[in-house]
Amino acid sequence: MPHRDLHLACYDVAEPRRLSAALKLARRYATGGQKSAHELFLTCAEREALVTDMRALLDAATDRFLLLRLDPRSKLFALGKAVAPADPDYFYVG
C-alpha cells in the first residue's frame, strides 16, 4: 500500500462556479473537513495531480489555494463532535 501523508487543503475562490468546482475537486481526495478546508491523505502522485488540477481550475489573480503537509509526528486533537482524521485501509479517488 502506498504511503500517504496527512495534508490540509484550503482555498478562497471569488467566482461561484469555480468555487463549486474547487469543492468537488477537493472532496475527491478528502477524508474530512468543512466548507473550504479539507483533510486529505495523499501520496506524492495524488498531491501533484491535485495541485495540477487546482492550478488549471483557479484564477491566479483572484483565487487562493493552500496545500499544507502536516507533520506526522504531531499529535492530533479533535474538538467537539469532530473525529480525528484516519488513513483508511483502502481509498477511492474519484
PDB file of N, CA and C in Angstrom:
ATOM      1  N   MET A   1       0.847  -1.175   0.000  1.00  0.00           N
ATOM      2  CA  MET A   1       0.000   0.000   0.000  1.00  0.00           C
ATOM      3  C   MET A   1       0.896   1.243   0.000  1.00  0.00           C
ATOM      4  N   PRO A   2       0.615   2.234  -0.851  1.00  0.00           N
ATOM      5  CA  PRO A   2       1.448   3.439  -0.919  1.00  0.00           C
ATOM      6  C   PRO A   2       1.333   4.265   0.359  1.00  0.00           C
ATOM      7  N   HIS A   3       2.403   4.965   0.682  1.00  0.00           N
ATOM      8  CA  HIS A   3       2.429   5.811   1.877  1.00  0.00           C
ATOM      9  C   HIS A   3       1.687   7.120   1.594  1.00  0.00           C
ATOM     10  N   ARG A   4       0.799   7.478   2.513  1.00  0.00           N
ATOM     11  CA  ARG A   4       0.057   8.731   2.389  1.00  0.00           C
ATOM     12  C   ARG A   4       0.359   9.620   3.581  1.00  0.00           C
ATOM     13  N   ASP A   5       0.538  10.902   3.314  1.00  0.00           N
ATOM     14  CA  ASP A   5       0.734  11.898   4.362  1.00  0.00           C
ATOM     15  C   ASP A   5      -0.532  12.719   4.515  1.00  0.00           C
ATOM     16  N   LEU A   6      -0.776  13.167   5.744  1.00  0.00           N
ATOM     17  CA  LEU A   6      -1.947  13.995   6.020  1.00  0.00           C
ATOM     18  C   LEU A   6      -1.661  15.430   5.598  1.00  0.00           C
ATOM     19  N   HIS A   7      -2.570  15.999   4.820  1.00  0.00           N
ATOM     20  CA  HIS A   7      -2.463  17.368   4.327  1.00  0.00           C
ATOM     21  C   HIS A   7      -3.720  18.132   4.721  1.00  0.00           C
ATOM     22  N   LEU A   8      -3.585  19.431   4.769  1.00  0.00           N
ATOM     23  CA  LEU A   8      -4.718  20.325   4.943  1.00  0.00           C
ATOM     24  C   LEU A   8      -4.809  21.184   3.687  1.00  0.00           C
ATOM     25  N   ALA A   9      -5.943  21.141   3.008  1.00  0.00           N
ATOM     26  CA  ALA A   9      -6.156  21.931   1.791  1.00  0.00           C
ATOM     27  C   ALA A   9      -7.187  23.016   2.096  1.00  0.00           C
ATOM     28  N   CYS A  10      -6.837  24.251   1.785  1.00  0.00           N
ATOM     29  CA  CYS A  10      -7.730  25.392   1.994  1.00  0.00           C
ATOM     30  C   CYS A  10      -7.747  26.231   0.728  1.00  0.00           C
ATOM     31  N   TYR A  11      -8.890  26.827   0.441  1.00  0.00           N
ATOM     32  CA  TYR A  11      -8.975  27.669  -0.745  1.00  0.00           C
ATOM     33  C   TYR A  11      -9.946  28.811  -0.517  1.00  0.00           C
ATOM     34  N   ASP A  12      -9.733  29.877  -1.251  1.00  0.00           N
ATOM     35  CA  ASP A  12     -10.610  31.047  -1.259  1.00  0.00           C
ATOM     36  C   ASP A  12     -10.813  31.392  -2.729  1.00  0.00           C
ATOM     37  N   VAL A  13     -12.026  31.187  -3.215  1.00  0.00           N
ATOM     38  CA  VAL A  13     -12.326  31.346  -4.635  1.00  0.00           C
ATOM     39  C   VAL A  13     -13.390  32.421  -4.800  1.00  0.00           C
ATOM     40  N   ALA A  14     -13.140  33.354  -5.707  1.00  0.00           N
ATOM     41  CA  ALA A  14     -14.000  34.525  -5.871  1.00  0.00           C
ATOM     42  C   ALA A  14     -15.291  34.231  -6.638  1.00  0.00           C
ATOM     43  N   GLU A  15     -15.258  33.374  -7.617  1.00  0.00           N
ATOM     44  CA  GLU A  15     -16.395  33.163  -8.520  1.00  0.00           C
ATOM     45  C   GLU A  15     -17.134  31.876  -8.134  1.00  0.00           C
ATOM     46  N   PRO A  16     -18.478  31.906  -8.004  1.00  0.00           N
ATOM     47  CA  PRO A  16     -19.246  30.748  -7.520  1.00  0.00           C
ATOM     48  C   PRO A  16     -19.049  29.456  -8.324  1.00  0.00           C
ATOM     49  N   ARG A  17     -18.937  29.528  -9.633  1.00  0.00           N
ATOM     50  CA  ARG A  17     -18.753  28.300 -10.419  1.00  0.00           C
ATOM     51  C   ARG A  17     -17.393  27.668 -10.148  1.00  0.00           C
ATOM     52  N   ARG A  18     -16.353  28.483 -10.063  1.00  0.00           N
ATOM     53  CA  ARG A  18     -15.025  27.946  -9.736  1.00  0.00           C
ATOM     54  C   ARG A  18     -14.992  27.431  -8.299  1.00  0.00           C
ATOM     55  N   LEU A  19     -15.712  28.101  -7.408  1.00  0.00           N
ATOM     56  CA  LEU A  19     -15.785  27.653  -6.020  1.00  0.00           C
ATOM     57  C   LEU A  19     -16.409  26.266  -5.932  1.00  0.00           C
ATOM     58  N   SER A  20     -17.496  26.068  -6.645  1.00  0.00           N
ATOM     59  CA  SER A  20     -18.158  24.763  -6.677  1.00  0.00           C
ATOM     60  C   SER A  20     -17.243  23.696  -7.262  1.00  0.00           C
ATOM     61  N   ALA A  21     -16.535  24.037  -8.334  1.00  0.00           N
ATOM     62  CA  ALA A  21     -15.612  23.081  -8.954  1.00  0.00           C
ATOM     63  C   ALA A  21     -14.441  22.762  -8.025  1.00  0.00           C
ATOM     64  N   ALA A  22     -13.938  23.759  -7.301  1.00  0.00           N
ATOM     65  CA  ALA A  22     -12.844  23.530  -6.353  1.00  0.00           C
ATOM     66  C   ALA A  22     -13.302  22.636  -5.207  1.00  0.00           C
ATOM     67  N   LEU A  23     -14.517  22.831  -4.728  1.00  0.00           N
ATOM     68  CA  LEU A  23     -15.078  21.987  -3.680  1.00  0.00           C
ATOM     69  C   LEU A  23     -15.171  20.537  -4.149  1.00  0.00           C
ATOM     70  N   LYS A  24     -15.697  20.323  -5.346  1.00  0.00           N
ATOM     71  CA  LYS A  24     -15.821  18.966  -5.882  1.00  0.00           C
ATOM     72  C   LYS A  24     -14.449  18.310  -6.046  1.00  0.00           C
ATOM     73  N   LEU A  25     -13.487  19.070  -6.520  1.00  0.00           N
ATOM     74  CA  LEU A  25     -12.138  18.532  -6.701  1.00  0.00           C
ATOM     75  C   LEU A  25     -11.523  18.161  -5.356  1.00  0.00           C
ATOM     76  N   ALA A  26     -11.620  19.026  -4.364  1.00  0.00           N
ATOM     77  CA  ALA A  26     -11.046  18.740  -3.048  1.00  0.00           C
ATOM     78  C   ALA A  26     -11.728  17.537  -2.404  1.00  0.00           C
ATOM     79  N   ARG A  27     -13.031  17.427  -2.542  1.00  0.00           N
ATOM     80  CA  ARG A  27     -13.761  16.300  -1.934  1.00  0.00           C
ATOM     81  C   ARG A  27     -13.426  14.957  -2.587  1.00  0.00           C
ATOM     82  N   ARG A  28     -12.891  14.978  -3.803  1.00  0.00           N
ATOM     83  CA  ARG A  28     -12.465  13.723  -4.427  1.00  0.00           C
ATOM     84  C   ARG A  28     -11.356  13.067  -3.618  1.00  0.00           C
ATOM     85  N   TYR A  29     -10.562  13.863  -2.941  1.00  0.00           N
ATOM     86  CA  TYR A  29      -9.420  13.370  -2.177  1.00  0.00           C
ATOM     87  C   TYR A  29      -9.637  13.410  -0.661  1.00  0.00           C
ATOM     88  N   ALA A  30     -10.649  14.117  -0.193  1.00  0.00           N
ATOM     89  CA  ALA A  30     -10.805  14.420   1.230  1.00  0.00           C
ATOM     90  C   ALA A  30     -11.313  13.236   2.041  1.00  0.00           C
ATOM     91  N   THR A  31     -10.837  13.184   3.282  1.00  0.00           N
ATOM     92  CA  THR A  31     -11.373  12.236   4.259  1.00  0.00           C
ATOM     93  C   THR A  31     -12.190  12.968   5.310  1.00  0.00           C
ATOM     94  N   GLY A  32     -12.124  14.287   5.313  1.00  0.00           N
ATOM     95  CA  GLY A  32     -12.884  15.094   6.257  1.00  0.00           C
ATOM     96  C   GLY A  32     -12.669  16.558   5.958  1.00  0.00           C
ATOM     97  N   GLY A  33     -13.368  17.395   6.710  1.00  0.00           N
ATOM     98  CA  GLY A  33     -13.187  18.826   6.532  1.00  0.00           C
ATOM     99  C   GLY A  33     -14.502  19.573   6.586  1.00  0.00           C
ATOM    100  N   GLN A  34     -14.396  20.873   6.385  1.00  0.00           N
ATOM    101  CA  GLN A  34     -15.562  21.743   6.416  1.00  0.00           C
ATOM    102  C   GLN A  34     -15.425  22.817   5.357  1.00  0.00           C
ATOM    103  N   LYS A  35     -16.489  23.095   4.650  1.00  0.00           N
ATOM    104  CA  LYS A  35     -16.560  24.155   3.642  1.00  0.00           C
ATOM    105  C   LYS A  35     -15.294  24.254   2.801  1.00  0.00           C
ATOM    106  N   SER A  36     -14.402  25.212   3.052  1.00  0.00           N
ATOM    107  CA  SER A  36     -13.222  25.350   2.202  1.00  0.00           C
ATOM    108  C   SER A  36     -11.928  24.929   2.877  1.00  0.00           C
ATOM    109  N   ALA A  37     -12.007  24.045   3.841  1.00  0.00           N
ATOM    110  CA  ALA A  37     -10.815  23.450   4.468  1.00  0.00           C
ATOM    111  C   ALA A  37     -11.045  21.943   4.570  1.00  0.00           C
ATOM    112  N   HIS A  38     -10.117  21.172   4.020  1.00  0.00           N
ATOM    113  CA  HIS A  38     -10.302  19.721   3.939  1.00  0.00           C
ATOM    114  C   HIS A  38      -9.068  18.982   4.416  1.00  0.00           C
ATOM    115  N   GLU A  39      -9.285  17.827   5.064  1.00  0.00           N
ATOM    116  CA  GLU A  39      -8.211  16.932   5.471  1.00  0.00           C
ATOM    117  C   GLU A  39      -8.056  15.883   4.377  1.00  0.00           C
ATOM    118  N   LEU A  40      -6.831  15.704   3.906  1.00  0.00           N
ATOM    119  CA  LEU A  40      -6.578  14.760   2.819  1.00  0.00           C
ATOM    120  C   LEU A  40      -5.361  13.906   3.139  1.00  0.00           C
ATOM    121  N   PHE A  41      -5.460  12.609   2.918  1.00  0.00           N
ATOM    122  CA  PHE A  41      -4.304  11.729   2.958  1.00  0.00           C
ATOM    123  C   PHE A  41      -3.891  11.524   1.512  1.00  0.00           C
ATOM    124  N   LEU A  42      -2.683  11.978   1.146  1.00  0.00           N
ATOM    125  CA  LEU A  42      -2.245  11.965  -0.246  1.00  0.00           C
ATOM    126  C   LEU A  42      -0.894  11.281  -0.413  1.00  0.00           C
ATOM    127  N   THR A  43      -0.771  10.539  -1.509  1.00  0.00           N
ATOM    128  CA  THR A  43       0.539  10.075  -1.945  1.00  0.00           C
ATOM    129  C   THR A  43       1.184  11.234  -2.706  1.00  0.00           C
ATOM    130  N   CYS A  44       2.454  11.081  -3.055  1.00  0.00           N
ATOM    131  CA  CYS A  44       3.131  12.134  -3.831  1.00  0.00           C
ATOM    132  C   CYS A  44       2.428  12.357  -5.168  1.00  0.00           C
ATOM    133  N   ALA A  45       2.038  11.272  -5.839  1.00  0.00           N
ATOM    134  CA  ALA A  45       1.378  11.386  -7.145  1.00  0.00           C
ATOM    135  C   ALA A  45       0.014  12.061  -7.018  1.00  0.00           C
ATOM    136  N   GLU A  46      -0.745  11.719  -5.980  1.00  0.00           N
ATOM    137  CA  GLU A  46      -2.053  12.348  -5.774  1.00  0.00           C
ATOM    138  C   GLU A  46      -1.896  13.829  -5.463  1.00  0.00           C
ATOM    139  N   ARG A  47      -0.889  14.170  -4.671  1.00  0.00           N
ATOM    140  CA  ARG A  47      -0.633  15.580  -4.348  1.00  0.00           C
ATOM    141  C   ARG A  47      -0.337  16.374  -5.617  1.00  0.00           C
ATOM    142  N   GLU A  48       0.524  15.834  -6.475  1.00  0.00           N
ATOM    143  CA  GLU A  48       0.860  16.511  -7.736  1.00  0.00           C
ATOM    144  C   GLU A  48      -0.365  16.659  -8.624  1.00  0.00           C
ATOM    145  N   ALA A  49      -1.190  15.613  -8.698  1.00  0.00           N
ATOM    146  CA  ALA A  49      -2.405  15.666  -9.522  1.00  0.00           C
ATOM    147  C   ALA A  49      -3.372  16.722  -8.995  1.00  0.00           C
ATOM    148  N   LEU A  50      -3.534  16.796  -7.668  1.00  0.00           N
ATOM    149  CA  LEU A  50      -4.429  17.786  -7.077  1.00  0.00           C
ATOM    150  C   LEU A  50      -3.940  19.200  -7.367  1.00  0.00           C
ATOM    151  N   VAL A  51      -2.656  19.448  -7.174  1.00  0.00           N
ATOM    152  CA  VAL A  51      -2.109  20.782  -7.422  1.00  0.00           C
ATOM    153  C   VAL A  51      -2.247  21.156  -8.897  1.00  0.00           C
ATOM    154  N   THR A  52      -1.960  20.227  -9.785  1.00  0.00           N
ATOM    155  CA  THR A  52      -2.091  20.484 -11.226  1.00  0.00           C
ATOM    156  C   THR A  52      -3.533  20.806 -11.594  1.00  0.00           C
ATOM    157  N   ASP A  53      -4.476  20.024 -11.076  1.00  0.00           N
ATOM    158  CA  ASP A  53      -5.892  20.250 -11.384  1.00  0.00           C
ATOM    159  C   ASP A  53      -6.389  21.571 -10.796  1.00  0.00           C
ATOM    160  N   MET A  54      -5.977  21.908  -9.579  1.00  0.00           N
ATOM    161  CA  MET A  54      -6.378  23.179  -8.976  1.00  0.00           C
ATOM    162  C   MET A  54      -5.781  24.350  -9.747  1.00  0.00           C
ATOM    163  N   ARG A  55      -4.536  24.207 -10.161  1.00  0.00           N
ATOM    164  CA  ARG A  55      -3.884  25.286 -10.920  1.00  0.00           C
ATOM    165  C   ARG A  55      -4.654  25.566 -12.218  1.00  0.00           C
ATOM    166  N   ALA A  56      -5.138  24.510 -12.879  1.00  0.00           N
ATOM    167  CA  ALA A  56      -5.897  24.681 -14.120  1.00  0.00           C
ATOM    168  C   ALA A  56      -7.278  25.274 -13.858  1.00  0.00           C
ATOM    169  N   LEU A  57      -7.829  25.010 -12.683  1.00  0.00           N
ATOM    170  CA  LEU A  57      -9.191  25.429 -12.349  1.00  0.00           C
ATOM    171  C   LEU A  57      -9.271  26.876 -11.857  1.00  0.00           C
ATOM    172  N   LEU A  58      -8.319  27.293 -11.032  1.00  0.00           N
ATOM    173  CA  LEU A  58      -8.407  28.574 -10.349  1.00  0.00           C
ATOM    174  C   LEU A  58      -7.783  29.711 -11.149  1.00  0.00           C
ATOM    175  N   ASP A  59      -8.232  30.918 -10.851  1.00  0.00           N
ATOM    176  CA  ASP A  59      -7.687  32.139 -11.449  1.00  0.00           C
ATOM    177  C   ASP A  59      -6.640  32.692 -10.489  1.00  0.00           C
ATOM    178  N   ALA A  60      -5.391  32.708 -10.898  1.00  0.00           N
ATOM    179  CA  ALA A  60      -4.288  33.140 -10.029  1.00  0.00           C
ATOM    180  C   ALA A  60      -4.423  34.595  -9.577  1.00  0.00           C
ATOM    181  N   ALA A  61      -5.148  35.402 -10.322  1.00  0.00           N
ATOM    182  CA  ALA A  61      -5.296  36.819  -9.964  1.00  0.00           C
ATOM    183  C   ALA A  61      -6.277  37.026  -8.812  1.00  0.00           C
ATOM    184  N   THR A  62      -7.283  36.157  -8.685  1.00  0.00           N
ATOM    185  CA  THR A  62      -8.325  36.399  -7.678  1.00  0.00           C
ATOM    186  C   THR A  62      -8.499  35.268  -6.668  1.00  0.00           C
ATOM    187  N   ASP A  63      -8.033  34.069  -6.964  1.00  0.00           N
ATOM    188  CA  ASP A  63      -8.266  32.908  -6.107  1.00  0.00           C
ATOM    189  C   ASP A  63      -6.988  32.506  -5.376  1.00  0.00           C
ATOM    190  N   ARG A  64      -7.164  31.792  -4.267  1.00  0.00           N
ATOM    191  CA  ARG A  64      -6.034  31.300  -3.492  1.00  0.00           C
ATOM    192  C   ARG A  64      -6.241  29.831  -3.146  1.00  0.00           C
ATOM    193  N   PHE A  65      -5.136  29.062  -3.111  1.00  0.00           N
ATOM    194  CA  PHE A  65      -5.165  27.651  -2.732  1.00  0.00           C
ATOM    195  C   PHE A  65      -3.932  27.358  -1.895  1.00  0.00           C
ATOM    196  N   LEU A  66      -4.131  26.698  -0.757  1.00  0.00           N
ATOM    197  CA  LEU A  66      -3.038  26.326   0.131  1.00  0.00           C
ATOM    198  C   LEU A  66      -3.127  24.834   0.397  1.00  0.00           C
ATOM    199  N   LEU A  67      -2.025  24.127   0.167  1.00  0.00           N
ATOM    200  CA  LEU A  67      -1.941  22.708   0.486  1.00  0.00           C
ATOM    201  C   LEU A  67      -0.764  22.543   1.427  1.00  0.00           C
ATOM    202  N   LEU A  68      -1.051  22.149   2.651  1.00  0.00           N
ATOM    203  CA  LEU A  68      -0.052  22.089   3.704  1.00  0.00           C
ATOM    204  C   LEU A  68       0.082  20.654   4.202  1.00  0.00           C
ATOM    205  N   ARG A  69       1.302  20.105   4.119  1.00  0.00           N
ATOM    206  CA  ARG A  69       1.536  18.765   4.679  1.00  0.00           C
ATOM    207  C   ARG A  69       1.727  18.920   6.171  1.00  0.00           C
ATOM    208  N   LEU A  70       0.932  18.170   6.946  1.00  0.00           N
ATOM    209  CA  LEU A  70       1.019  18.248   8.400  1.00  0.00           C
ATOM    210  C   LEU A  70       2.098  17.293   8.900  1.00  0.00           C
ATOM    211  N   ASP A  71       2.794  17.696   9.930  1.00  0.00           N
ATOM    212  CA  ASP A  71       3.882  16.908  10.490  1.00  0.00           C
ATOM    213  C   ASP A  71       3.335  15.605  11.080  1.00  0.00           C
ATOM    214  N   PRO A  72       3.790  14.455  10.590  1.00  0.00           N
ATOM    215  CA  PRO A  72       3.258  13.181  11.090  1.00  0.00           C
ATOM    216  C   PRO A  72       3.621  12.915  12.551  1.00  0.00           C
ATOM    217  N   ARG A  73       4.599  13.632  13.087  1.00  0.00           N
ATOM    218  CA  ARG A  73       4.996  13.437  14.487  1.00  0.00           C
ATOM    219  C   ARG A  73       4.095  14.189  15.450  1.00  0.00           C
ATOM    220  N   SER A  74       3.321  15.155  14.956  1.00  0.00           N
ATOM    221  CA  SER A  74       2.499  15.962  15.850  1.00  0.00           C
ATOM    222  C   SER A  74       1.246  15.194  16.270  1.00  0.00           C
ATOM    223  N   LYS A  75       0.778  15.512  17.460  1.00  0.00           N
ATOM    224  CA  LYS A  75      -0.415  14.877  17.999  1.00  0.00           C
ATOM    225  C   LYS A  75      -1.653  15.561  17.425  1.00  0.00           C
ATOM    226  N   LEU A  76      -2.660  14.783  17.092  1.00  0.00           N
ATOM    227  CA  LEU A  76      -3.903  15.328  16.543  1.00  0.00           C
ATOM    228  C   LEU A  76      -4.911  15.542  17.661  1.00  0.00           C
ATOM    229  N   PHE A  77      -5.601  16.666  17.613  1.00  0.00           N
ATOM    230  CA  PHE A  77      -6.650  16.973  18.568  1.00  0.00           C
ATOM    231  C   PHE A  77      -7.946  17.202  17.813  1.00  0.00           C
ATOM    232  N   ALA A  78      -9.020  16.575  18.269  1.00  0.00           N
ATOM    233  CA  ALA A  78     -10.345  16.785  17.689  1.00  0.00           C
ATOM    234  C   ALA A  78     -11.227  17.383  18.784  1.00  0.00           C
ATOM    235  N   LEU A  79     -11.814  18.531  18.515  1.00  0.00           N
ATOM    236  CA  LEU A  79     -12.642  19.222  19.499  1.00  0.00           C
ATOM    237  C   LEU A  79     -14.116  19.042  19.180  1.00  0.00           C
ATOM    238  N   GLY A  80     -14.950  19.051  20.191  1.00  0.00           N
ATOM    239  CA  GLY A  80     -16.391  18.935  19.999  1.00  0.00           C
ATOM    240  C   GLY A  80     -16.781  17.570  19.464  1.00  0.00           C
ATOM    241  N   LYS A  81     -17.585  17.551  18.423  1.00  0.00           N
ATOM    242  CA  LYS A  81     -18.046  16.300  17.822  1.00  0.00           C
ATOM    243  C   LYS A  81     -17.108  15.805  16.728  1.00  0.00           C
ATOM    244  N   ALA A  82     -16.014  16.505  16.546  1.00  0.00           N
ATOM    245  CA  ALA A  82     -15.081  16.158  15.470  1.00  0.00           C
ATOM    246  C   ALA A  82     -14.463  14.782  15.689  1.00  0.00           C
ATOM    247  N   VAL A  83     -14.132  14.139  14.592  1.00  0.00           N
ATOM    248  CA  VAL A  83     -13.459  12.845  14.610  1.00  0.00           C
ATOM    249  C   VAL A  83     -12.061  13.048  14.055  1.00  0.00           C
ATOM    250  N   ALA A  84     -11.066  12.528  14.747  1.00  0.00           N
ATOM    251  CA  ALA A  84      -9.685  12.669  14.276  1.00  0.00           C
ATOM    252  C   ALA A  84      -9.536  11.999  12.916  1.00  0.00           C
ATOM    253  N   PRO A  85      -8.802  12.610  11.980  1.00  0.00           N
ATOM    254  CA  PRO A  85      -8.626  12.009  10.655  1.00  0.00           C
ATOM    255  C   PRO A  85      -7.843  10.703  10.741  1.00  0.00           C
ATOM    256  N   ALA A  86      -8.213   9.757   9.899  1.00  0.00           N
ATOM    257  CA  ALA A  86      -7.540   8.462   9.856  1.00  0.00           C
ATOM    258  C   ALA A  86      -7.378   8.050   8.406  1.00  0.00           C
ATOM    259  N   ASP A  87      -6.229   7.476   8.093  1.00  0.00           N
ATOM    260  CA  ASP A  87      -5.958   6.973   6.752  1.00  0.00           C
ATOM    261  C   ASP A  87      -6.655   5.628   6.608  1.00  0.00           C
ATOM    262  N   PRO A  88      -7.645   5.511   5.721  1.00  0.00           N
ATOM    263  CA  PRO A  88      -8.385   4.255   5.599  1.00  0.00           C
ATOM    264  C   PRO A  88      -7.549   3.149   4.979  1.00  0.00           C
ATOM    265  N   ASP A  89      -7.983   1.902   5.163  1.00  0.00           N
ATOM    266  CA  ASP A  89      -7.289   0.754   4.582  1.00  0.00           C
ATOM    267  C   ASP A  89      -7.301   0.789   3.058  1.00  0.00           C
ATOM    268  N   TYR A  90      -8.376   1.260   2.501  1.00  0.00           N
ATOM    269  CA  TYR A  90      -8.460   1.435   1.045  1.00  0.00           C
ATOM    270  C   TYR A  90      -9.009   2.818   0.779  1.00  0.00           C
ATOM    271  N   PHE A  91      -8.702   3.349  -0.402  1.00  0.00           N
ATOM    272  CA  PHE A  91      -9.071   4.731  -0.689  1.00  0.00           C
ATOM    273  C   PHE A  91      -9.465   4.822  -2.160  1.00  0.00           C
ATOM    274  N   TYR A  92     -10.640   5.380  -2.410  1.00  0.00           N
ATOM    275  CA  TYR A  92     -11.130   5.578  -3.773  1.00  0.00           C
ATOM    276  C   TYR A  92     -11.045   7.049  -4.103  1.00  0.00           C
ATOM    277  N   VAL A  93     -10.323   7.400  -5.157  1.00  0.00           N
ATOM    278  CA  VAL A  93     -10.221   8.774  -5.613  1.00  0.00           C
ATOM    279  C   VAL A  93     -11.092   8.908  -6.852  1.00  0.00           C
ATOM    280  N   GLY A  94     -12.074   9.786  -6.793  1.00  0.00           N
ATOM    281  CA  GLY A  94     -12.902   9.965  -7.979  1.00  0.00           C
ATOM    282  C   GLY A  94     -14.258  10.468  -7.723  1.00  0.00           C
TER     283      GLY A  94
END
